[in-house]
Amino acid sequence: MHNQLQLLFIRIYFTIVSYLFPSFAAKSAYRLFHYPINSTRKNRHEKTLPKAKHFSIPLYDKVSLQGYQWGNEENPIVLLVHGWSTTGRSMSHFTESLLKNNYQVITYDALRHGRTKAKLSDLANWADSVHAVLNHIGNVECIIAHSFGCAAVTVASELGLATKKLVFIAPIHNVTSVSNNFAKHLNIPEHVVEEMLTYTWNQNKQGFEKYGKDLEDIFYSNFHVPTLLFHDTKDKEIGIEHSHALSQKWTWATLVQTEGLGHRSILDDDDVVKETLLFIQAP
């Protein structure tokens, strides 16, 4: 998150530049919206885990993802997909529980996060990353994703996924609503946000068009595997309406609502971790 002085400067900047140079303001908003903040920060409730095996996952020409593996390589795999401005370390409670129950755990640093370097990091790239990881590691028992990572998995599922189950925690299911909240927080006018979204699509049009015709269409996936959703009713970053919208489309999904955990602490909750494990273990 931005500190108060940064926030004041950003709001003044967009108030002035949006009026004088709206196209330039849209490009500035694009860069701000697609730049993670402090993605290497440590979760203060992070579990101490065994040392991970590091490996590289090819994505594009000269671009690779940094991967991490724990557990016996003969055990079934669970893939963790972290959210925006975090890394797989934010999901250490799941890793610890899965290792204790004889699963192999694999995660990776998304583009411009952790140890993965890249010039561009958008939703199409994140969806491509999910496919690249699955192509590299093979079939998995379950994908557990958080926030923007859920959006990436949902979009990627348009082309199918090599997983038996999905667990989404505080999923994003509408980029437009997220960008509107982002803009409201920073005093960015509506017309600049619309231009930013158009600019976002055009910057990586070929990447996005694999998944749909626009930023709304890419979320219309009919990928059908057992799916469990967790979302806190008091989530101030990504409202629970995202999970309601997803569960209405994916009628086979089960939504579990929590109270008072918010957007990030939900990853550290013992009950959420236990229910996830039971879901994965179920036939």
Foldseek 3Di string as FASTA:
>chain_A
DDDPVVLVVLLVVQVPCCVVPLLVSLVVLLVVVFAFDQADDADPLFDDDPAWDWDWFDQDVVFIWIKTKDADLVFFEEEEEEDGSYFCSLLRLLVVVQRVVHYMYMYIAAENHDPGHDDGDDLLSLLSVQVRVCVVSDAHAEYEYAASNLSSVLLNCQVPDRYQEYEYELYAQAVLVLLVVVCVSRVHDPVSSVSSQVVVCVVPVVSNVVQHDGRNSSNQHPRDHEYEYEYECPAPNRHCVRVVVVCVNHVNYHYDYDYDCYRRNCSVDPVSSVVVVCVSPDD
